[in-house]
Amino acid sequence: MTRQFKWDSGIGLLGLLLLFAGSYIGLFVAPAERYMGEVQRIMYVHVPSAWNAMLCYTLAFIFAIVSLWTHRPKWDAMTTAAVEMGIVLNALLLVQGSIWARATWGVWWDWDVRLTTSLILVLLFAGVLTLRSFVLDTGRRATWTAIATIVAFVDVPLVYFCVRWWRSLHQVQSTPDTVAPMMVVPLRINAFAILFIAIWMMAQRTRLELERRRQDEVAQPERLAPMGGSTHE
């Protein structure tokens, strides 16, 4: 347990240091964008948040499949942790996007296809956790959580590809070839930073969920047989 704690805490600390470094480069070293100016610098947390939210949901999808296949508690706990981390990053993504939209489009929200599918995504996975909270039996809870996670994941590719399939205020995904090198550096640093922080938080959450499951599975005392040693159906 001590070794495991040191491992994920070290990952979390590295993530925080990288986030500080990447944000500093993004704010004070990288050049301002030609058309949007200084407001574009929110990209250095907005885009990495999006990347890692999608990654967490993808991990949750994979963990859910393995959970259904193996019925092992650790995979159910890891599914829950990945779903929760995805929701946190998804929510941050929407907040950051609203701030950026207010500065560039003049409104806090627009029912753009990317925004709409991203909102639906966080609601779908919030629904996974809501469903989970209503199931008391640990085995059934794991099964329903996995199934709901797999169903909710359907929206993930829609969020990613919607800007290619439909007209959107968002541009099609950029590549390093279309972005200035000094803009790519803080993007990549913060992408790894948020990834490491997410790993740390998911590891902590997995332990908590496993401990909760152990408490839920504490054997209840058997009912005493009626006087006389016989029972009636």
C-alpha atoms as a PDB file:
ATOM      1  CA  MET A   1       0.000   0.000   0.000  1.00  0.00           C
ATOM      2  CA  THR A   2       2.809   2.433   0.833  1.00  0.00           C
ATOM      3  CA  ARG A   3       4.555   1.757  -2.464  1.00  0.00           C
ATOM      4  CA  GLN A   4       1.336   2.278  -4.410  1.00  0.00           C
ATOM      5  CA  PHE A   5       0.636   5.527  -2.567  1.00  0.00           C
ATOM      6  CA  LYS A   6       4.097   6.868  -3.416  1.00  0.00           C
ATOM      7  CA  TRP A   7       3.663   5.923  -7.064  1.00  0.00           C
ATOM      8  CA  ASP A   8       0.398   7.743  -7.734  1.00  0.00           C
ATOM      9  CA  SER A   9       1.308  10.685  -5.495  1.00  0.00           C
ATOM     10  CA  GLY A  10       4.527  11.106  -7.463  1.00  0.00           C
ATOM     11  CA  ILE A  11       2.545  11.071 -10.704  1.00  0.00           C
ATOM     12  CA  GLY A  12       0.178  13.690  -9.303  1.00  0.00           C
ATOM     13  CA  LEU A  13       3.034  15.934  -8.161  1.00  0.00           C
ATOM     14  CA  LEU A  14       4.699  15.660 -11.571  1.00  0.00           C
ATOM     15  CA  GLY A  15       1.409  16.608 -13.180  1.00  0.00           C
ATOM     16  CA  LEU A  16       1.070  19.719 -11.020  1.00  0.00           C
ATOM     17  CA  LEU A  17       4.625  20.807 -11.836  1.00  0.00           C
ATOM     18  CA  LEU A  18       4.049  20.268 -15.552  1.00  0.00           C
ATOM     19  CA  LEU A  19       0.767  22.176 -15.382  1.00  0.00           C
ATOM     20  CA  PHE A  20       2.550  25.127 -13.798  1.00  0.00           C
ATOM     21  CA  ALA A  21       5.308  25.007 -16.421  1.00  0.00           C
ATOM     22  CA  GLY A  22       2.954  24.581 -19.371  1.00  0.00           C
ATOM     23  CA  SER A  23       0.640  27.348 -18.199  1.00  0.00           C
ATOM     24  CA  TYR A  24       3.580  29.710 -17.681  1.00  0.00           C
ATOM     25  CA  ILE A  25       4.832  29.060 -21.214  1.00  0.00           C
ATOM     26  CA  GLY A  26       1.336  29.460 -22.603  1.00  0.00           C
ATOM     27  CA  LEU A  27       0.726  32.737 -20.787  1.00  0.00           C
ATOM     28  CA  PHE A  28       4.106  34.460 -21.049  1.00  0.00           C
ATOM     29  CA  VAL A  29       6.240  32.765 -23.732  1.00  0.00           C
ATOM     30  CA  ALA A  30       3.967  31.587 -26.545  1.00  0.00           C
ATOM     31  CA  PRO A  31       2.935  34.272 -29.039  1.00  0.00           C
ATOM     32  CA  ALA A  32      -0.574  35.692 -29.108  1.00  0.00           C
ATOM     33  CA  GLU A  33      -2.863  34.357 -31.828  1.00  0.00           C
ATOM     34  CA  ARG A  34      -3.078  36.598 -34.910  1.00  0.00           C
ATOM     35  CA  TYR A  35      -6.860  37.110 -34.871  1.00  0.00           C
ATOM     36  CA  MET A  36      -8.060  36.345 -31.330  1.00  0.00           C
ATOM     37  CA  GLY A  37      -5.144  37.922 -29.510  1.00  0.00           C
ATOM     38  CA  GLU A  38      -4.569  37.213 -25.825  1.00  0.00           C
ATOM     39  CA  VAL A  39      -7.898  35.470 -25.238  1.00  0.00           C
ATOM     40  CA  GLN A  40      -6.619  32.526 -27.275  1.00  0.00           C
ATOM     41  CA  ARG A  41      -4.311  31.574 -24.389  1.00  0.00           C
ATOM     42  CA  ILE A  42      -7.200  29.772 -22.662  1.00  0.00           C
ATOM     43  CA  MET A  43      -6.604  27.131 -25.339  1.00  0.00           C
ATOM     44  CA  TYR A  44      -3.665  25.817 -23.334  1.00  0.00           C
ATOM     45  CA  VAL A  45      -6.008  24.417 -20.680  1.00  0.00           C
ATOM     46  CA  HIS A  46      -9.168  24.107 -22.777  1.00  0.00           C
ATOM     47  CA  VAL A  47      -7.817  21.760 -25.429  1.00  0.00           C
ATOM     48  CA  PRO A  48      -5.871  19.483 -23.008  1.00  0.00           C
ATOM     49  CA  SER A  49      -9.023  19.257 -20.871  1.00  0.00           C
ATOM     50  CA  ALA A  50     -10.941  18.092 -23.941  1.00  0.00           C
ATOM     51  CA  TRP A  51      -8.302  15.541 -24.914  1.00  0.00           C
ATOM     52  CA  ASN A  52      -8.159  14.046 -21.448  1.00  0.00           C
ATOM     53  CA  ALA A  53     -11.917  14.050 -20.939  1.00  0.00           C
ATOM     54  CA  MET A  54     -12.241  11.949 -24.091  1.00  0.00           C
ATOM     55  CA  LEU A  55      -9.412   9.716 -22.891  1.00  0.00           C
ATOM     56  CA  CYS A  56     -11.051   9.169 -19.491  1.00  0.00           C
ATOM     57  CA  TYR A  57     -14.348   8.258 -21.126  1.00  0.00           C
ATOM     58  CA  THR A  58     -12.532   5.874 -23.453  1.00  0.00           C
ATOM     59  CA  LEU A  59     -10.783   4.253 -20.497  1.00  0.00           C
ATOM     60  CA  ALA A  60     -14.137   3.965 -18.726  1.00  0.00           C
ATOM     61  CA  PHE A  61     -15.543   2.226 -21.821  1.00  0.00           C
ATOM     62  CA  ILE A  62     -12.641  -0.250 -21.867  1.00  0.00           C
ATOM     63  CA  PHE A  63     -12.822  -0.853 -18.110  1.00  0.00           C
ATOM     64  CA  ALA A  64     -16.586  -1.415 -18.387  1.00  0.00           C
ATOM     65  CA  ILE A  65     -16.123  -4.127 -21.000  1.00  0.00           C
ATOM     66  CA  VAL A  66     -13.477  -5.850 -18.872  1.00  0.00           C
ATOM     67  CA  SER A  67     -15.732  -5.497 -15.812  1.00  0.00           C
ATOM     68  CA  LEU A  68     -18.577  -7.277 -17.615  1.00  0.00           C
ATOM     69  CA  TRP A  69     -16.182  -9.950 -18.831  1.00  0.00           C
ATOM     70  CA  THR A  70     -14.379 -10.675 -15.553  1.00  0.00           C
ATOM     71  CA  HIS A  71     -16.841  -9.499 -12.845  1.00  0.00           C
ATOM     72  CA  ARG A  72     -13.854  -8.415 -10.771  1.00  0.00           C
ATOM     73  CA  PRO A  73     -14.400  -5.562  -8.305  1.00  0.00           C
ATOM     74  CA  LYS A  74     -11.273  -3.641  -9.318  1.00  0.00           C
ATOM     75  CA  TRP A  75     -12.535  -3.118 -12.859  1.00  0.00           C
ATOM     76  CA  ASP A  76     -15.864  -1.803 -11.604  1.00  0.00           C
ATOM     77  CA  ALA A  77     -13.988   0.584  -9.293  1.00  0.00           C
ATOM     78  CA  MET A  78     -11.738   1.702 -12.138  1.00  0.00           C
ATOM     79  CA  THR A  79     -14.766   2.249 -14.385  1.00  0.00           C
ATOM     80  CA  THR A  80     -16.356   4.468 -11.760  1.00  0.00           C
ATOM     81  CA  ALA A  81     -13.147   6.418 -11.237  1.00  0.00           C
ATOM     82  CA  ALA A  82     -12.681   7.012 -14.967  1.00  0.00           C
ATOM     83  CA  VAL A  83     -16.306   8.099 -15.402  1.00  0.00           C
ATOM     84  CA  GLU A  84     -16.041  10.576 -12.534  1.00  0.00           C
ATOM     85  CA  MET A  85     -12.762  12.002 -13.822  1.00  0.00           C
ATOM     86  CA  GLY A  86     -14.235  12.320 -17.294  1.00  0.00           C
ATOM     87  CA  ILE A  87     -17.202  14.237 -15.905  1.00  0.00           C
ATOM     88  CA  VAL A  88     -14.929  16.642 -14.006  1.00  0.00           C
ATOM     89  CA  LEU A  89     -12.844  17.381 -17.101  1.00  0.00           C
ATOM     90  CA  ASN A  90     -15.960  17.571 -19.288  1.00  0.00           C
ATOM     91  CA  ALA A  91     -17.490  20.129 -16.924  1.00  0.00           C
ATOM     92  CA  LEU A  92     -14.259  22.149 -16.911  1.00  0.00           C
ATOM     93  CA  LEU A  93     -14.257  21.959 -20.699  1.00  0.00           C
ATOM     94  CA  LEU A  94     -17.746  23.461 -20.891  1.00  0.00           C
ATOM     95  CA  VAL A  95     -16.906  26.241 -18.428  1.00  0.00           C
ATOM     96  CA  GLN A  96     -13.670  27.103 -20.234  1.00  0.00           C
ATOM     97  CA  GLY A  97     -15.472  26.989 -23.570  1.00  0.00           C
ATOM     98  CA  SER A  98     -18.155  29.374 -22.307  1.00  0.00           C
ATOM     99  CA  ILE A  99     -15.514  31.870 -21.176  1.00  0.00           C
ATOM    100  CA  TRP A 100     -13.802  31.639 -24.547  1.00  0.00           C
ATOM    101  CA  ALA A 101     -17.126  31.933 -26.383  1.00  0.00           C
ATOM    102  CA  ARG A 102     -18.056  35.092 -24.483  1.00  0.00           C
ATOM    103  CA  ALA A 103     -14.811  36.752 -25.542  1.00  0.00           C
ATOM    104  CA  THR A 104     -14.863  35.608 -29.190  1.00  0.00           C
ATOM    105  CA  TRP A 105     -18.531  35.137 -30.125  1.00  0.00           C
ATOM    106  CA  GLY A 106     -20.102  37.610 -27.690  1.00  0.00           C
ATOM    107  CA  VAL A 107     -22.307  34.995 -25.997  1.00  0.00           C
ATOM    108  CA  TRP A 108     -21.775  32.554 -23.136  1.00  0.00           C
ATOM    109  CA  TRP A 109     -23.518  29.705 -24.926  1.00  0.00           C
ATOM    110  CA  ASP A 110     -24.627  28.732 -28.410  1.00  0.00           C
ATOM    111  CA  TRP A 111     -26.401  25.548 -29.435  1.00  0.00           C
ATOM    112  CA  ASP A 112     -23.512  24.690 -31.720  1.00  0.00           C
ATOM    113  CA  VAL A 113     -23.208  20.994 -32.559  1.00  0.00           C
ATOM    114  CA  ARG A 114     -19.907  20.601 -30.661  1.00  0.00           C
ATOM    115  CA  LEU A 115     -21.262  22.387 -27.589  1.00  0.00           C
ATOM    116  CA  THR A 116     -24.529  20.475 -27.648  1.00  0.00           C
ATOM    117  CA  THR A 117     -22.957  17.033 -27.989  1.00  0.00           C
ATOM    118  CA  SER A 118     -20.444  17.900 -25.243  1.00  0.00           C
ATOM    119  CA  LEU A 119     -23.279  18.914 -22.897  1.00  0.00           C
ATOM    120  CA  ILE A 120     -25.173  15.719 -23.720  1.00  0.00           C
ATOM    121  CA  LEU A 121     -21.985  13.771 -23.009  1.00  0.00           C
ATOM    122  CA  VAL A 122     -21.596  15.064 -19.461  1.00  0.00           C
ATOM    123  CA  LEU A 123     -25.309  14.472 -18.811  1.00  0.00           C
ATOM    124  CA  LEU A 124     -25.098  10.890 -20.093  1.00  0.00           C
ATOM    125  CA  PHE A 125     -22.191   9.997 -17.826  1.00  0.00           C
ATOM    126  CA  ALA A 126     -23.778  11.821 -14.903  1.00  0.00           C
ATOM    127  CA  GLY A 127     -26.723   9.530 -15.565  1.00  0.00           C
ATOM    128  CA  VAL A 128     -24.377   6.542 -15.230  1.00  0.00           C
ATOM    129  CA  LEU A 129     -23.444   7.641 -11.714  1.00  0.00           C
ATOM    130  CA  THR A 130     -27.074   8.386 -10.855  1.00  0.00           C
ATOM    131  CA  LEU A 131     -28.132   4.905 -11.948  1.00  0.00           C
ATOM    132  CA  ARG A 132     -25.254   3.432  -9.967  1.00  0.00           C
ATOM    133  CA  SER A 133     -26.369   5.193  -6.799  1.00  0.00           C
ATOM    134  CA  PHE A 134     -29.812   3.552  -6.950  1.00  0.00           C
ATOM    135  CA  VAL A 135     -28.528  -0.050  -7.139  1.00  0.00           C
ATOM    136  CA  LEU A 136     -27.732  -1.486  -3.711  1.00  0.00           C
ATOM    137  CA  ASP A 137     -26.490  -4.962  -4.621  1.00  0.00           C
ATOM    138  CA  THR A 138     -22.775  -4.732  -5.446  1.00  0.00           C
ATOM    139  CA  GLY A 139     -22.863  -7.286  -8.257  1.00  0.00           C
ATOM    140  CA  ARG A 140     -25.853  -5.743 -10.002  1.00  0.00           C
ATOM    141  CA  ARG A 141     -24.409  -2.271  -9.431  1.00  0.00           C
ATOM    142  CA  ALA A 142     -21.230  -3.228 -11.276  1.00  0.00           C
ATOM    143  CA  THR A 143     -23.185  -4.790 -14.146  1.00  0.00           C
ATOM    144  CA  TRP A 144     -25.536  -1.856 -14.627  1.00  0.00           C
ATOM    145  CA  THR A 145     -22.684   0.643 -14.318  1.00  0.00           C
ATOM    146  CA  ALA A 146     -20.748  -1.154 -17.046  1.00  0.00           C
ATOM    147  CA  ILE A 147     -23.746  -1.392 -19.381  1.00  0.00           C
ATOM    148  CA  ALA A 148     -24.673   2.266 -18.873  1.00  0.00           C
ATOM    149  CA  THR A 149     -21.069   3.333 -19.456  1.00  0.00           C
ATOM    150  CA  ILE A 150     -20.912   1.443 -22.749  1.00  0.00           C
ATOM    151  CA  VAL A 151     -24.191   3.034 -23.883  1.00  0.00           C
ATOM    152  CA  ALA A 152     -23.084   6.551 -22.854  1.00  0.00           C
ATOM    153  CA  PHE A 153     -19.802   6.155 -24.746  1.00  0.00           C
ATOM    154  CA  VAL A 154     -21.733   6.275 -28.040  1.00  0.00           C
ATOM    155  CA  ASP A 155     -21.657  10.079 -27.785  1.00  0.00           C
ATOM    156  CA  VAL A 156     -17.847  10.271 -27.530  1.00  0.00           C
ATOM    157  CA  PRO A 157     -17.109   9.727 -31.256  1.00  0.00           C
ATOM    158  CA  LEU A 158     -19.981  12.104 -32.067  1.00  0.00           C
ATOM    159  CA  VAL A 159     -18.297  14.859 -30.055  1.00  0.00           C
ATOM    160  CA  TYR A 160     -14.999  14.267 -31.833  1.00  0.00           C
ATOM    161  CA  PHE A 161     -16.242  13.929 -35.411  1.00  0.00           C
ATOM    162  CA  CYS A 162     -19.205  16.343 -35.333  1.00  0.00           C
ATOM    163  CA  VAL A 163     -17.098  19.245 -36.626  1.00  0.00           C
ATOM    164  CA  ARG A 164     -16.267  17.133 -39.694  1.00  0.00           C
ATOM    165  CA  TRP A 165     -19.789  15.836 -40.272  1.00  0.00           C
ATOM    166  CA  TRP A 166     -21.815  19.025 -39.652  1.00  0.00           C
ATOM    167  CA  ARG A 167     -21.315  22.770 -39.898  1.00  0.00           C
ATOM    168  CA  SER A 168     -19.949  24.071 -36.606  1.00  0.00           C
ATOM    169  CA  LEU A 169     -18.565  27.233 -35.077  1.00  0.00           C
ATOM    170  CA  HIS A 170     -15.595  25.101 -34.054  1.00  0.00           C
ATOM    171  CA  GLN A 171     -12.839  24.485 -36.540  1.00  0.00           C
ATOM    172  CA  VAL A 172     -11.746  21.025 -37.641  1.00  0.00           C
ATOM    173  CA  GLN A 173      -9.021  19.566 -35.408  1.00  0.00           C
ATOM    174  CA  SER A 174      -5.634  21.199 -35.959  1.00  0.00           C
ATOM    175  CA  THR A 175      -2.309  19.405 -36.382  1.00  0.00           C
ATOM    176  CA  PRO A 176       1.205  20.428 -35.266  1.00  0.00           C
ATOM    177  CA  ASP A 177       1.839  21.448 -38.884  1.00  0.00           C
ATOM    178  CA  THR A 178      -0.881  24.120 -38.705  1.00  0.00           C
ATOM    179  CA  VAL A 179       0.038  25.511 -35.266  1.00  0.00           C
ATOM    180  CA  ALA A 180       3.049  27.645 -34.366  1.00  0.00           C
ATOM    181  CA  PRO A 181       5.757  25.537 -32.648  1.00  0.00           C
ATOM    182  CA  MET A 182       5.697  27.676 -29.485  1.00  0.00           C
ATOM    183  CA  MET A 183       1.954  27.072 -29.234  1.00  0.00           C
ATOM    184  CA  VAL A 184       2.387  23.311 -29.561  1.00  0.00           C
ATOM    185  CA  VAL A 185       4.842  23.132 -26.636  1.00  0.00           C
ATOM    186  CA  PRO A 186       2.474  24.364 -23.856  1.00  0.00           C
ATOM    187  CA  LEU A 187      -0.379  22.336 -25.358  1.00  0.00           C
ATOM    188  CA  ARG A 188       1.614  19.114 -25.101  1.00  0.00           C
ATOM    189  CA  ILE A 189       3.009  19.902 -21.658  1.00  0.00           C
ATOM    190  CA  ASN A 190      -0.436  20.658 -20.255  1.00  0.00           C
ATOM    191  CA  ALA A 191      -1.897  17.598 -21.973  1.00  0.00           C
ATOM    192  CA  PHE A 192       0.543  15.365 -20.075  1.00  0.00           C
ATOM    193  CA  ALA A 193       0.082  17.443 -16.923  1.00  0.00           C
ATOM    194  CA  ILE A 194      -3.673  16.939 -16.854  1.00  0.00           C
ATOM    195  CA  LEU A 195      -3.236  13.280 -17.805  1.00  0.00           C
ATOM    196  CA  PHE A 196      -0.905  12.676 -14.832  1.00  0.00           C
ATOM    197  CA  ILE A 197      -3.229  14.526 -12.452  1.00  0.00           C
ATOM    198  CA  ALA A 198      -6.147  12.475 -13.782  1.00  0.00           C
ATOM    199  CA  ILE A 199      -4.219   9.221 -13.228  1.00  0.00           C
ATOM    200  CA  TRP A 200      -3.450  10.248  -9.665  1.00  0.00           C
ATOM    201  CA  MET A 201      -7.076  11.142  -8.917  1.00  0.00           C
ATOM    202  CA  MET A 202      -8.399   7.965 -10.543  1.00  0.00           C
ATOM    203  CA  ALA A 203      -5.985   5.835  -8.517  1.00  0.00           C
ATOM    204  CA  GLN A 204      -7.158   7.487  -5.310  1.00  0.00           C
ATOM    205  CA  ARG A 205     -10.813   7.136  -6.305  1.00  0.00           C
ATOM    206  CA  THR A 206     -10.359   3.469  -7.231  1.00  0.00           C
ATOM    207  CA  ARG A 207      -9.053   2.713  -3.739  1.00  0.00           C
ATOM    208  CA  LEU A 208     -11.943   4.528  -2.125  1.00  0.00           C
ATOM    209  CA  GLU A 209     -14.466   2.645  -4.251  1.00  0.00           C
ATOM    210  CA  LEU A 210     -12.891  -0.725  -3.453  1.00  0.00           C
ATOM    211  CA  GLU A 211     -13.004   0.115   0.249  1.00  0.00           C
ATOM    212  CA  ARG A 212     -16.648   1.116  -0.056  1.00  0.00           C
ATOM    213  CA  ARG A 213     -17.418  -2.171  -1.804  1.00  0.00           C
ATOM    214  CA  ARG A 214     -15.705  -4.144   0.960  1.00  0.00           C
ATOM    215  CA  GLN A 215     -17.852  -2.376   3.523  1.00  0.00           C
ATOM    216  CA  ASP A 216     -21.008  -3.066   1.505  1.00  0.00           C
ATOM    217  CA  GLU A 217     -20.147  -6.732   1.284  1.00  0.00           C
ATOM    218  CA  VAL A 218     -19.691  -7.242   5.013  1.00  0.00           C
ATOM    219  CA  ALA A 219     -21.669 -10.405   5.758  1.00  0.00           C
ATOM    220  CA  GLN A 220     -24.969  -9.777   7.478  1.00  0.00           C
ATOM    221  CA  PRO A 221     -25.774 -12.076  10.449  1.00  0.00           C
ATOM    222  CA  GLU A 222     -27.982 -14.976   9.444  1.00  0.00           C
ATOM    223  CA  ARG A 223     -31.543 -14.905  10.644  1.00  0.00           C
ATOM    224  CA  LEU A 224     -32.155 -17.100  13.657  1.00  0.00           C
ATOM    225  CA  ALA A 225     -34.322 -20.145  13.084  1.00  0.00           C
ATOM    226  CA  PRO A 226     -37.674 -20.215  14.899  1.00  0.00           C
ATOM    227  CA  MET A 227     -37.981 -22.006  18.218  1.00  0.00           C
ATOM    228  CA  GLY A 228     -38.112 -25.778  17.765  1.00  0.00           C
ATOM    229  CA  GLY A 229     -35.421 -25.834  15.063  1.00  0.00           C
ATOM    230  CA  SER A 230     -37.810 -25.982  12.098  1.00  0.00           C
ATOM    231  CA  THR A 231     -38.694 -23.478   9.446  1.00  0.00           C
ATOM    232  CA  HIS A 232     -41.735 -23.089   7.267  1.00  0.00           C
ATOM    233  CA  GLU A 233     -41.654 -22.082   3.622  1.00  0.00           C
END
